[in-house]
């Protein structure tokens, strides 16, 4: 998400919260649905970009990336 990539995940509580508007969720334990979701994003660059931007915004809203990154370089 911090790299501006959308989420593709199984529909689980934690993933559901993070993916809202920033990715695709598929039924838990359904690898075929996961593959279809990945194929869907691979075939649709505009949607992938849109969800990726939303993912990046979500990270920026929840975490202070700049302070975390600068702190790790000391």
PDB file of N, CA and C in Angstrom:
ATOM      1  N   UNK A   1       0.819  -1.181   0.000  1.00  0.00           N
ATOM      2  CA  UNK A   1       0.000   0.000   0.000  1.00  0.00           C
ATOM      3  C   UNK A   1       0.869   1.254   0.000  1.00  0.00           C
ATOM      4  N   UNK A   2       1.924   1.261   0.785  1.00  0.00           N
ATOM      5  CA  UNK A   2       2.800   2.427   0.852  1.00  0.00           C
ATOM      6  C   UNK A   2       3.465   2.707  -0.498  1.00  0.00           C
ATOM      7  N   UNK A   3       3.579   1.689  -1.324  1.00  0.00           N
ATOM      8  CA  UNK A   3       4.163   1.849  -2.652  1.00  0.00           C
ATOM      9  C   UNK A   3       3.118   2.230  -3.692  1.00  0.00           C
ATOM     10  N   UNK A   4       1.874   2.434  -3.257  1.00  0.00           N
ATOM     11  CA  UNK A   4       0.818   2.808  -4.184  1.00  0.00           C
ATOM     12  C   UNK A   4       0.248   1.639  -4.952  1.00  0.00           C
ATOM     13  N   UNK A   5       0.276   0.469  -4.337  1.00  0.00           N
ATOM     14  CA  UNK A   5      -0.276  -0.727  -4.961  1.00  0.00           C
ATOM     15  C   UNK A   5      -1.572  -1.123  -4.271  1.00  0.00           C
ATOM     16  N   UNK A   6      -2.559  -1.579  -5.037  1.00  0.00           N
ATOM     17  CA  UNK A   6      -3.824  -1.972  -4.432  1.00  0.00           C
ATOM     18  C   UNK A   6      -3.697  -3.281  -3.662  1.00  0.00           C
ATOM     19  N   UNK A   7      -4.638  -3.482  -2.770  1.00  0.00           N
ATOM     20  CA  UNK A   7      -4.715  -4.717  -1.997  1.00  0.00           C
ATOM     21  C   UNK A   7      -5.546  -5.729  -2.770  1.00  0.00           C
ATOM     22  N   UNK A   8      -5.113  -6.966  -2.763  1.00  0.00           N
ATOM     23  CA  UNK A   8      -5.930  -8.090  -3.211  1.00  0.00           C
ATOM     24  C   UNK A   8      -5.787  -9.116  -2.103  1.00  0.00           C
ATOM     25  N   UNK A   9      -6.885  -9.398  -1.410  1.00  0.00           N
ATOM     26  CA  UNK A   9      -6.793 -10.248  -0.225  1.00  0.00           C
ATOM     27  C   UNK A   9      -8.076 -11.027   0.008  1.00  0.00           C
ATOM     28  N   UNK A  10      -7.954 -12.032   0.843  1.00  0.00           N
ATOM     29  CA  UNK A  10      -9.140 -12.751   1.292  1.00  0.00           C
ATOM     30  C   UNK A  10      -9.941 -11.846   2.220  1.00  0.00           C
ATOM     31  N   UNK A  11     -11.241 -11.998   2.191  1.00  0.00           N
ATOM     32  CA  UNK A  11     -12.153 -11.164   2.976  1.00  0.00           C
ATOM     33  C   UNK A  11     -12.115 -11.594   4.441  1.00  0.00           C
ATOM     34  N   UNK A  12     -11.180 -11.022   5.163  1.00  0.00           N
ATOM     35  CA  UNK A  12     -11.019 -11.247   6.597  1.00  0.00           C
ATOM     36  C   UNK A  12     -11.119  -9.901   7.300  1.00  0.00           C
ATOM     37  N   UNK A  13     -11.402  -9.915   8.562  1.00  0.00           N
ATOM     38  CA  UNK A  13     -11.668  -8.679   9.289  1.00  0.00           C
ATOM     39  C   UNK A  13     -10.600  -7.604   9.090  1.00  0.00           C
ATOM     40  N   UNK A  14      -9.366  -7.897   9.344  1.00  0.00           N
ATOM     41  CA  UNK A  14      -8.311  -6.892   9.214  1.00  0.00           C
ATOM     42  C   UNK A  14      -8.129  -6.424   7.784  1.00  0.00           C
ATOM     43  N   UNK A  15      -8.189  -7.347   6.844  1.00  0.00           N
ATOM     44  CA  UNK A  15      -8.044  -6.988   5.438  1.00  0.00           C
ATOM     45  C   UNK A  15      -9.228  -6.155   4.967  1.00  0.00           C
ATOM     46  N   UNK A  16     -10.397  -6.473   5.457  1.00  0.00           N
ATOM     47  CA  UNK A  16     -11.607  -5.751   5.062  1.00  0.00           C
ATOM     48  C   UNK A  16     -11.467  -4.271   5.396  1.00  0.00           C
ATOM     49  N   UNK A  17     -10.980  -3.988   6.574  1.00  0.00           N
ATOM     50  CA  UNK A  17     -10.818  -2.602   7.005  1.00  0.00           C
ATOM     51  C   UNK A  17      -9.794  -1.870   6.142  1.00  0.00           C
ATOM     52  N   UNK A  18      -8.684  -2.508   5.861  1.00  0.00           N
ATOM     53  CA  UNK A  18      -7.620  -1.854   5.096  1.00  0.00           C
ATOM     54  C   UNK A  18      -7.967  -1.723   3.615  1.00  0.00           C
ATOM     55  N   UNK A  19      -8.669  -2.692   3.064  1.00  0.00           N
ATOM     56  CA  UNK A  19      -8.914  -2.715   1.626  1.00  0.00           C
ATOM     57  C   UNK A  19     -10.072  -1.833   1.192  1.00  0.00           C
ATOM     58  N   UNK A  20     -10.880  -1.373   2.109  1.00  0.00           N
ATOM     59  CA  UNK A  20     -12.057  -0.595   1.735  1.00  0.00           C
ATOM     60  C   UNK A  20     -11.677   0.557   0.814  1.00  0.00           C
ATOM     61  N   UNK A  21     -12.073   0.463  -0.432  1.00  0.00           N
ATOM     62  CA  UNK A  21     -11.787   1.495  -1.419  1.00  0.00           C
ATOM     63  C   UNK A  21     -10.368   1.481  -1.950  1.00  0.00           C
ATOM     64  N   UNK A  22      -9.533   0.562  -1.454  1.00  0.00           N
ATOM     65  CA  UNK A  22      -8.127   0.541  -1.846  1.00  0.00           C
ATOM     66  C   UNK A  22      -7.700  -0.805  -2.417  1.00  0.00           C
ATOM     67  N   UNK A  23      -8.675  -1.662  -2.714  1.00  0.00           N
ATOM     68  CA  UNK A  23      -8.318  -2.964  -3.250  1.00  0.00           C
ATOM     69  C   UNK A  23      -9.530  -3.847  -3.431  1.00  0.00           C
ATOM     70  N   UNK A  24      -9.247  -5.105  -3.683  1.00  0.00           N
ATOM     71  CA  UNK A  24     -10.286  -6.098  -3.915  1.00  0.00           C
ATOM     72  C   UNK A  24     -10.223  -7.182  -2.846  1.00  0.00           C
ATOM     73  N   UNK A  25     -11.390  -7.588  -2.390  1.00  0.00           N
ATOM     74  CA  UNK A  25     -11.490  -8.692  -1.440  1.00  0.00           C
ATOM     75  C   UNK A  25     -12.200  -9.854  -2.115  1.00  0.00           C
ATOM     76  N   UNK A  26     -11.760 -11.048  -1.795  1.00  0.00           N
ATOM     77  CA  UNK A  26     -12.380 -12.258  -2.335  1.00  0.00           C
ATOM     78  C   UNK A  26     -12.768 -13.163  -1.180  1.00  0.00           C
ATOM     79  N   UNK A  27     -13.697 -14.089  -1.404  1.00  0.00           N
ATOM     80  CA  UNK A  27     -14.117 -14.976  -0.324  1.00  0.00           C
ATOM     81  C   UNK A  27     -12.943 -15.747   0.287  1.00  0.00           C
ATOM     82  N   UNK A  28     -12.958 -15.821   1.592  1.00  0.00           N
ATOM     83  CA  UNK A  28     -11.910 -16.532   2.343  1.00  0.00           C
ATOM     84  C   UNK A  28     -11.771 -17.959   1.825  1.00  0.00           C
ATOM     85  N   UNK A  29     -10.544 -18.359   1.571  1.00  0.00           N
ATOM     86  CA  UNK A  29     -10.260 -19.733   1.167  1.00  0.00           C
ATOM     87  C   UNK A  29     -10.605 -20.068  -0.263  1.00  0.00           C
ATOM     88  N   UNK A  30     -10.779 -19.072  -1.112  1.00  0.00           N
ATOM     89  CA  UNK A  30     -11.143 -19.310  -2.511  1.00  0.00           C
ATOM     90  C   UNK A  30      -9.996 -18.851  -3.423  1.00  0.00           C
ATOM     91  N   UNK A  31      -9.008 -19.729  -3.634  1.00  0.00           N
ATOM     92  CA  UNK A  31      -7.856 -19.322  -4.436  1.00  0.00           C
ATOM     93  C   UNK A  31      -8.220 -18.978  -5.878  1.00  0.00           C
ATOM     94  N   UNK A  32      -9.268 -19.585  -6.421  1.00  0.00           N
ATOM     95  CA  UNK A  32      -9.681 -19.258  -7.785  1.00  0.00           C
ATOM     96  C   UNK A  32     -10.186 -17.815  -7.848  1.00  0.00           C
ATOM     97  N   UNK A  33     -10.920 -17.382  -6.832  1.00  0.00           N
ATOM     98  CA  UNK A  33     -11.399 -16.000  -6.781  1.00  0.00           C
ATOM     99  C   UNK A  33     -10.223 -15.033  -6.629  1.00  0.00           C
ATOM    100  N   UNK A  34      -9.223 -15.438  -5.869  1.00  0.00           N
ATOM    101  CA  UNK A  34      -8.032 -14.605  -5.704  1.00  0.00           C
ATOM    102  C   UNK A  34      -7.332 -14.436  -7.056  1.00  0.00           C
ATOM    103  N   UNK A  35      -7.193 -15.524  -7.780  1.00  0.00           N
ATOM    104  CA  UNK A  35      -6.563 -15.460  -9.104  1.00  0.00           C
ATOM    105  C   UNK A  35      -7.370 -14.584 -10.055  1.00  0.00           C
ATOM    106  N   UNK A  36      -8.693 -14.696 -10.032  1.00  0.00           N
ATOM    107  CA  UNK A  36      -9.534 -13.859 -10.894  1.00  0.00           C
ATOM    108  C   UNK A  36      -9.362 -12.380 -10.557  1.00  0.00           C
ATOM    109  N   UNK A  37      -9.293 -12.059  -9.268  1.00  0.00           N
ATOM    110  CA  UNK A  37      -9.120 -10.662  -8.856  1.00  0.00           C
ATOM    111  C   UNK A  37      -7.769 -10.125  -9.340  1.00  0.00           C
ATOM    112  N   UNK A  38      -6.739 -10.920  -9.231  1.00  0.00           N
ATOM    113  CA  UNK A  38      -5.419 -10.499  -9.720  1.00  0.00           C
ATOM    114  C   UNK A  38      -5.448 -10.301 -11.233  1.00  0.00           C
ATOM    115  N   UNK A  39      -6.087 -11.225 -11.939  1.00  0.00           N
ATOM    116  CA  UNK A  39      -6.216 -11.094 -13.393  1.00  0.00           C
ATOM    117  C   UNK A  39      -6.996  -9.837 -13.757  1.00  0.00           C
ATOM    118  N   UNK A  40      -8.060  -9.566 -13.004  1.00  0.00           N
ATOM    119  CA  UNK A  40      -8.890  -8.389 -13.247  1.00  0.00           C
ATOM    120  C   UNK A  40      -8.066  -7.113 -13.151  1.00  0.00           C
ATOM    121  N   UNK A  41      -7.251  -7.004 -12.111  1.00  0.00           N
ATOM    122  CA  UNK A  41      -6.421  -5.814 -11.960  1.00  0.00           C
ATOM    123  C   UNK A  41      -5.310  -5.752 -13.001  1.00  0.00           C
ATOM    124  N   UNK A  42      -4.772  -6.900 -13.351  1.00  0.00           N
ATOM    125  CA  UNK A  42      -3.720  -6.926 -14.367  1.00  0.00           C
ATOM    126  C   UNK A  42      -4.250  -6.437 -15.714  1.00  0.00           C
ATOM    127  N   UNK A  43      -5.516  -6.694 -15.982  1.00  0.00           N
ATOM    128  CA  UNK A  43      -6.118  -6.328 -17.263  1.00  0.00           C
ATOM    129  C   UNK A  43      -6.683  -4.909 -17.277  1.00  0.00           C
ATOM    130  N   UNK A  44      -6.702  -4.246 -16.136  1.00  0.00           N
ATOM    131  CA  UNK A  44      -7.336  -2.927 -16.054  1.00  0.00           C
ATOM    132  C   UNK A  44      -6.398  -1.922 -15.377  1.00  0.00           C
ATOM    133  N   UNK A  45      -5.444  -1.377 -16.135  1.00  0.00           N
ATOM    134  CA  UNK A  45      -4.469  -0.460 -15.543  1.00  0.00           C
ATOM    135  C   UNK A  45      -5.099   0.755 -14.869  1.00  0.00           C
ATOM    136  N   UNK A  46      -6.173   1.269 -15.422  1.00  0.00           N
ATOM    137  CA  UNK A  46      -6.801   2.459 -14.831  1.00  0.00           C
ATOM    138  C   UNK A  46      -7.359   2.137 -13.447  1.00  0.00           C
ATOM    139  N   UNK A  47      -8.009   1.009 -13.310  1.00  0.00           N
ATOM    140  CA  UNK A  47      -8.554   0.625 -11.992  1.00  0.00           C
ATOM    141  C   UNK A  47      -7.430   0.335 -11.013  1.00  0.00           C
ATOM    142  N   UNK A  48      -6.399  -0.345 -11.506  1.00  0.00           N
ATOM    143  CA  UNK A  48      -5.237  -0.654 -10.658  1.00  0.00           C
ATOM    144  C   UNK A  48      -4.617   0.638 -10.132  1.00  0.00           C
ATOM    145  N   UNK A  49      -4.489   1.626 -11.006  1.00  0.00           N
ATOM    146  CA  UNK A  49      -3.921   2.916 -10.622  1.00  0.00           C
ATOM    147  C   UNK A  49      -4.812   3.625  -9.601  1.00  0.00           C
ATOM    148  N   UNK A  50      -6.107   3.627  -9.857  1.00  0.00           N
ATOM    149  CA  UNK A  50      -7.059   4.272  -8.952  1.00  0.00           C
ATOM    150  C   UNK A  50      -7.013   3.635  -7.553  1.00  0.00           C
ATOM    151  N   UNK A  51      -7.049   2.316  -7.502  1.00  0.00           N
ATOM    152  CA  UNK A  51      -6.996   1.628  -6.204  1.00  0.00           C
ATOM    153  C   UNK A  51      -5.641   1.824  -5.541  1.00  0.00           C
ATOM    154  N   UNK A  52      -4.584   1.859  -6.343  1.00  0.00           N
ATOM    155  CA  UNK A  52      -3.253   2.087  -5.801  1.00  0.00           C
ATOM    156  C   UNK A  52      -3.119   3.459  -5.157  1.00  0.00           C
ATOM    157  N   UNK A  53      -3.687   4.482  -5.809  1.00  0.00           N
ATOM    158  CA  UNK A  53      -3.660   5.819  -5.215  1.00  0.00           C
ATOM    159  C   UNK A  53      -4.437   5.847  -3.911  1.00  0.00           C
ATOM    160  N   UNK A  54      -5.574   5.160  -3.890  1.00  0.00           N
ATOM    161  CA  UNK A  54      -6.372   5.094  -2.662  1.00  0.00           C
ATOM    162  C   UNK A  54      -5.606   4.363  -1.563  1.00  0.00           C
ATOM    163  N   UNK A  55      -4.877   3.319  -1.934  1.00  0.00           N
ATOM    164  CA  UNK A  55      -4.087   2.572  -0.951  1.00  0.00           C
ATOM    165  C   UNK A  55      -3.008   3.471  -0.350  1.00  0.00           C
ATOM    166  N   UNK A  56      -2.335   4.213  -1.197  1.00  0.00           N
ATOM    167  CA  UNK A  56      -1.277   5.116  -0.721  1.00  0.00           C
ATOM    168  C   UNK A  56      -1.859   6.174   0.216  1.00  0.00           C
ATOM    169  N   UNK A  57      -3.002   6.749  -0.159  1.00  0.00           N
ATOM    170  CA  UNK A  57      -3.649   7.748   0.710  1.00  0.00           C
ATOM    171  C   UNK A  57      -4.009   7.134   2.063  1.00  0.00           C
ATOM    172  N   UNK A  58      -4.492   5.908   2.044  1.00  0.00           N
ATOM    173  CA  UNK A  58      -4.875   5.245   3.293  1.00  0.00           C
ATOM    174  C   UNK A  58      -3.667   5.117   4.214  1.00  0.00           C
ATOM    175  N   UNK A  59      -2.539   4.720   3.670  1.00  0.00           N
ATOM    176  CA  UNK A  59      -1.319   4.590   4.475  1.00  0.00           C
ATOM    177  C   UNK A  59      -0.896   5.954   5.007  1.00  0.00           C
ATOM    178  N   UNK A  60      -0.930   6.967   4.156  1.00  0.00           N
ATOM    179  CA  UNK A  60      -0.519   8.301   4.590  1.00  0.00           C
ATOM    180  C   UNK A  60      -1.427   8.834   5.692  1.00  0.00           C
ATOM    181  N   UNK A  61      -2.711   8.503   5.628  1.00  0.00           N
ATOM    182  CA  UNK A  61      -3.650   8.950   6.657  1.00  0.00           C
ATOM    183  C   UNK A  61      -3.425   8.234   7.985  1.00  0.00           C
ATOM    184  N   UNK A  62      -3.034   6.967   7.934  1.00  0.00           N
ATOM    185  CA  UNK A  62      -2.924   6.161   9.150  1.00  0.00           C
ATOM    186  C   UNK A  62      -1.540   6.198   9.786  1.00  0.00           C
ATOM    187  N   UNK A  63      -0.526   6.390   8.987  1.00  0.00           N
ATOM    188  CA  UNK A  63       0.852   6.298   9.490  1.00  0.00           C
ATOM    189  C   UNK A  63       1.644   7.511   9.042  1.00  0.00           C
ATOM    190  N   UNK A  64       2.575   7.908   9.840  1.00  0.00           N
ATOM    191  CA  UNK A  64       3.469   8.996   9.481  1.00  0.00           C
ATOM    192  C   UNK A  64       4.684   8.398   8.792  1.00  0.00           C
ATOM    193  N   UNK A  65       4.565   8.193   7.504  1.00  0.00           N
ATOM    194  CA  UNK A  65       5.610   7.501   6.756  1.00  0.00           C
ATOM    195  C   UNK A  65       6.938   8.227   6.848  1.00  0.00           C
ATOM    196  N   UNK A  66       6.958   9.533   6.680  1.00  0.00           N
ATOM    197  CA  UNK A  66       8.197  10.277   6.709  1.00  0.00           C
ATOM    198  C   UNK A  66       8.949  10.119   8.008  1.00  0.00           C
ATOM    199  N   UNK A  67       8.249  10.226   9.135  1.00  0.00           N
ATOM    200  CA  UNK A  67       8.940  10.108  10.415  1.00  0.00           C
ATOM    201  C   UNK A  67       9.373   8.677  10.670  1.00  0.00           C
ATOM    202  N   UNK A  68       8.591   7.710  10.235  1.00  0.00           N
ATOM    203  CA  UNK A  68       8.995   6.316  10.416  1.00  0.00           C
ATOM    204  C   UNK A  68      10.204   5.985   9.563  1.00  0.00           C
ATOM    205  N   UNK A  69      10.210   6.450   8.330  1.00  0.00           N
ATOM    206  CA  UNK A  69      11.326   6.157   7.429  1.00  0.00           C
ATOM    207  C   UNK A  69      12.594   6.843   7.899  1.00  0.00           C
ATOM    208  N   UNK A  70      12.499   8.094   8.322  1.00  0.00           N
ATOM    209  CA  UNK A  70      13.698   8.804   8.750  1.00  0.00           C
ATOM    210  C   UNK A  70      14.242   8.220  10.041  1.00  0.00           C
ATOM    211  N   UNK A  71      13.373   7.743  10.896  1.00  0.00           N
ATOM    212  CA  UNK A  71      13.807   7.136  12.150  1.00  0.00           C
ATOM    213  C   UNK A  71      14.555   5.838  11.954  1.00  0.00           C
ATOM    214  N   UNK A  72      14.263   5.125  10.871  1.00  0.00           N
ATOM    215  CA  UNK A  72      14.902   3.825  10.652  1.00  0.00           C
ATOM    216  C   UNK A  72      16.305   3.958  10.073  1.00  0.00           C
ATOM    217  N   UNK A  73      16.686   5.144   9.658  1.00  0.00           N
ATOM    218  CA  UNK A  73      17.994   5.334   9.033  1.00  0.00           C
ATOM    219  C   UNK A  73      19.064   5.769  10.020  1.00  0.00           C
ATOM    220  N   UNK A  74      18.728   5.932  11.244  1.00  0.00           N
ATOM    221  CA  UNK A  74      19.715   6.398  12.236  1.00  0.00           C
ATOM    222  C   UNK A  74      20.695   5.338  12.592  1.00  0.00           C
TER     223      UNK A  74
END
